Amino acid sequence: MSELKIVATIVAKPKFQDELLKVFHTVVDETRKEDGNVSYELHQDINNPLKYIILEVWKSQDAINLHNESTHFKAFVAAVEGKTDSLTVEIIKKVY
């Protein structure tokens, strides 16, 4: 199976932006250490500074599943709870 990619889009509530930025840095740093992770990058929308996109590349669905069970990812999920206006996650694969 080819690599899988995830596009996670998070729009922070304004009063939590600084707090969430620290949370994002922690999850990025810890996730990059995972064996199944190829890349994990945090981006910010240039037109909406409250909108963050995490672009992820994984070796397999199994690697994603392990990541979702990791302590740092579970801490991330708990830390963003109620502090975002929206959060979407799309898992994609290259077809051409």
C-alpha atoms as a PDB file:
ATOM      1  CA  MET A   1       0.000   0.000   0.000  1.00  0.00           C
ATOM      2  CA  SER A   2       1.187   3.505  -0.753  1.00  0.00           C
ATOM      3  CA  GLU A   3       1.629   6.205   1.822  1.00  0.00           C
ATOM      4  CA  LEU A   4      -1.430   7.881   3.262  1.00  0.00           C
ATOM      5  CA  LYS A   5      -1.759  11.587   3.880  1.00  0.00           C
ATOM      6  CA  ILE A   6      -3.873  13.482   6.350  1.00  0.00           C
ATOM      7  CA  VAL A   7      -5.036  17.062   6.080  1.00  0.00           C
ATOM      8  CA  ALA A   8      -6.238  18.273   9.477  1.00  0.00           C
ATOM      9  CA  THR A   9      -7.756  21.756   9.475  1.00  0.00           C
ATOM     10  CA  ILE A  10      -8.267  23.482  12.804  1.00  0.00           C
ATOM     11  CA  VAL A  11      -9.781  26.917  13.377  1.00  0.00           C
ATOM     12  CA  ALA A  12      -8.885  28.155  16.858  1.00  0.00           C
ATOM     13  CA  LYS A  13     -11.184  30.264  18.976  1.00  0.00           C
ATOM     14  CA  PRO A  14      -9.414  33.637  19.263  1.00  0.00           C
ATOM     15  CA  LYS A  15      -8.968  33.534  23.043  1.00  0.00           C
ATOM     16  CA  PHE A  16      -7.234  30.133  22.817  1.00  0.00           C
ATOM     17  CA  GLN A  17      -4.907  30.804  19.881  1.00  0.00           C
ATOM     18  CA  ASP A  18      -1.690  31.207  21.882  1.00  0.00           C
ATOM     19  CA  GLU A  19      -2.473  28.199  24.060  1.00  0.00           C
ATOM     20  CA  LEU A  20      -3.278  26.024  21.052  1.00  0.00           C
ATOM     21  CA  LEU A  21      -0.123  27.029  19.221  1.00  0.00           C
ATOM     22  CA  LYS A  22       1.893  25.515  22.085  1.00  0.00           C
ATOM     23  CA  VAL A  23      -0.260  22.375  21.942  1.00  0.00           C
ATOM     24  CA  PHE A  24       0.326  22.141  18.174  1.00  0.00           C
ATOM     25  CA  HIS A  25       4.086  22.413  18.624  1.00  0.00           C
ATOM     26  CA  THR A  26       4.070  19.603  21.178  1.00  0.00           C
ATOM     27  CA  VAL A  27       2.045  17.193  19.025  1.00  0.00           C
ATOM     28  CA  VAL A  28       4.192  17.979  15.968  1.00  0.00           C
ATOM     29  CA  ASP A  29       7.451  17.411  17.835  1.00  0.00           C
ATOM     30  CA  GLU A  30       6.292  14.143  19.391  1.00  0.00           C
ATOM     31  CA  THR A  31       4.648  12.783  16.246  1.00  0.00           C
ATOM     32  CA  ARG A  32       7.766  13.336  14.160  1.00  0.00           C
ATOM     33  CA  LYS A  33       9.496  10.776  16.415  1.00  0.00           C
ATOM     34  CA  GLU A  34       7.055   8.000  15.470  1.00  0.00           C
ATOM     35  CA  ASP A  35       8.408   5.203  13.264  1.00  0.00           C
ATOM     36  CA  GLY A  36       5.409   5.230  10.936  1.00  0.00           C
ATOM     37  CA  ASN A  37       5.480   8.977  10.356  1.00  0.00           C
ATOM     38  CA  VAL A  38       7.087  10.271   7.159  1.00  0.00           C
ATOM     39  CA  SER A  39       6.339  13.958   7.782  1.00  0.00           C
ATOM     40  CA  TYR A  40       4.161  16.099  10.025  1.00  0.00           C
ATOM     41  CA  GLU A  41       4.009  19.832   9.338  1.00  0.00           C
ATOM     42  CA  LEU A  42       2.049  22.690  10.871  1.00  0.00           C
ATOM     43  CA  HIS A  43       0.881  25.480   8.557  1.00  0.00           C
ATOM     44  CA  GLN A  44      -1.083  28.684   9.137  1.00  0.00           C
ATOM     45  CA  ASP A  45      -3.517  30.238   6.669  1.00  0.00           C
ATOM     46  CA  ILE A  46      -2.170  33.590   5.491  1.00  0.00           C
ATOM     47  CA  ASN A  47      -5.676  35.086   5.241  1.00  0.00           C
ATOM     48  CA  ASN A  48      -7.011  33.718   8.527  1.00  0.00           C
ATOM     49  CA  PRO A  49      -4.381  33.489  11.280  1.00  0.00           C
ATOM     50  CA  LEU A  50      -6.769  31.422  13.417  1.00  0.00           C
ATOM     51  CA  LYS A  51      -6.781  28.644  10.820  1.00  0.00           C
ATOM     52  CA  TYR A  52      -4.084  25.977  11.065  1.00  0.00           C
ATOM     53  CA  ILE A  53      -3.499  23.037   8.764  1.00  0.00           C
ATOM     54  CA  ILE A  54      -1.488  20.000   9.763  1.00  0.00           C
ATOM     55  CA  LEU A  55      -0.188  18.099   6.732  1.00  0.00           C
ATOM     56  CA  GLU A  56       0.756  14.546   7.621  1.00  0.00           C
ATOM     57  CA  VAL A  57       2.325  11.706   5.651  1.00  0.00           C
ATOM     58  CA  TRP A  58       2.170   8.160   7.040  1.00  0.00           C
ATOM     59  CA  LYS A  59       3.670   4.853   5.932  1.00  0.00           C
ATOM     60  CA  SER A  60       0.368   2.994   6.415  1.00  0.00           C
ATOM     61  CA  GLN A  61      -3.054   2.924   8.022  1.00  0.00           C
ATOM     62  CA  ASP A  62      -1.506   0.849  10.811  1.00  0.00           C
ATOM     63  CA  ALA A  63       0.904   3.718  11.511  1.00  0.00           C
ATOM     64  CA  ILE A  64      -2.021   6.135  11.699  1.00  0.00           C
ATOM     65  CA  ASN A  65      -3.859   3.790  14.057  1.00  0.00           C
ATOM     66  CA  LEU A  66      -0.810   3.610  16.356  1.00  0.00           C
ATOM     67  CA  HIS A  67      -0.516   7.392  16.280  1.00  0.00           C
ATOM     68  CA  ASN A  68      -4.174   7.778  17.236  1.00  0.00           C
ATOM     69  CA  GLU A  69      -3.534   5.604  20.315  1.00  0.00           C
ATOM     70  CA  SER A  70      -0.358   7.438  21.371  1.00  0.00           C
ATOM     71  CA  THR A  71      -0.234   9.351  24.638  1.00  0.00           C
ATOM     72  CA  HIS A  72       0.766  12.608  22.948  1.00  0.00           C
ATOM     73  CA  PHE A  73      -2.060  12.422  20.402  1.00  0.00           C
ATOM     74  CA  LYS A  74      -4.655  11.660  23.070  1.00  0.00           C
ATOM     75  CA  ALA A  75      -3.300  14.624  25.082  1.00  0.00           C
ATOM     76  CA  PHE A  76      -3.613  16.790  21.956  1.00  0.00           C
ATOM     77  CA  VAL A  77      -7.238  15.769  21.431  1.00  0.00           C
ATOM     78  CA  ALA A  78      -8.045  16.565  25.063  1.00  0.00           C
ATOM     79  CA  ALA A  79      -6.188  19.904  24.915  1.00  0.00           C
ATOM     80  CA  VAL A  80      -8.091  21.203  21.871  1.00  0.00           C
ATOM     81  CA  GLU A  81     -11.521  20.131  23.140  1.00  0.00           C
ATOM     82  CA  GLY A  82     -13.820  23.165  23.254  1.00  0.00           C
ATOM     83  CA  LYS A  83     -11.087  25.541  22.050  1.00  0.00           C
ATOM     84  CA  THR A  84     -11.759  25.394  18.332  1.00  0.00           C
ATOM     85  CA  ASP A  85     -14.471  26.736  16.063  1.00  0.00           C
ATOM     86  CA  SER A  86     -13.954  23.795  13.730  1.00  0.00           C
ATOM     87  CA  LEU A  87     -11.768  20.751  13.235  1.00  0.00           C
ATOM     88  CA  THR A  88     -11.808  18.539  10.151  1.00  0.00           C
ATOM     89  CA  VAL A  89      -9.653  15.562   9.261  1.00  0.00           C
ATOM     90  CA  GLU A  90      -9.320  14.073   5.799  1.00  0.00           C
ATOM     91  CA  ILE A  91      -7.306  10.947   5.009  1.00  0.00           C
ATOM     92  CA  ILE A  92      -6.212  10.919   1.394  1.00  0.00           C
ATOM     93  CA  LYS A  93      -4.078   8.820  -0.902  1.00  0.00           C
ATOM     94  CA  LYS A  94      -2.279   9.631  -4.114  1.00  0.00           C
ATOM     95  CA  VAL A  95      -3.990   8.236  -7.172  1.00  0.00           C
ATOM     96  CA  TYR A  96      -1.848   9.763  -9.911  1.00  0.00           C
END
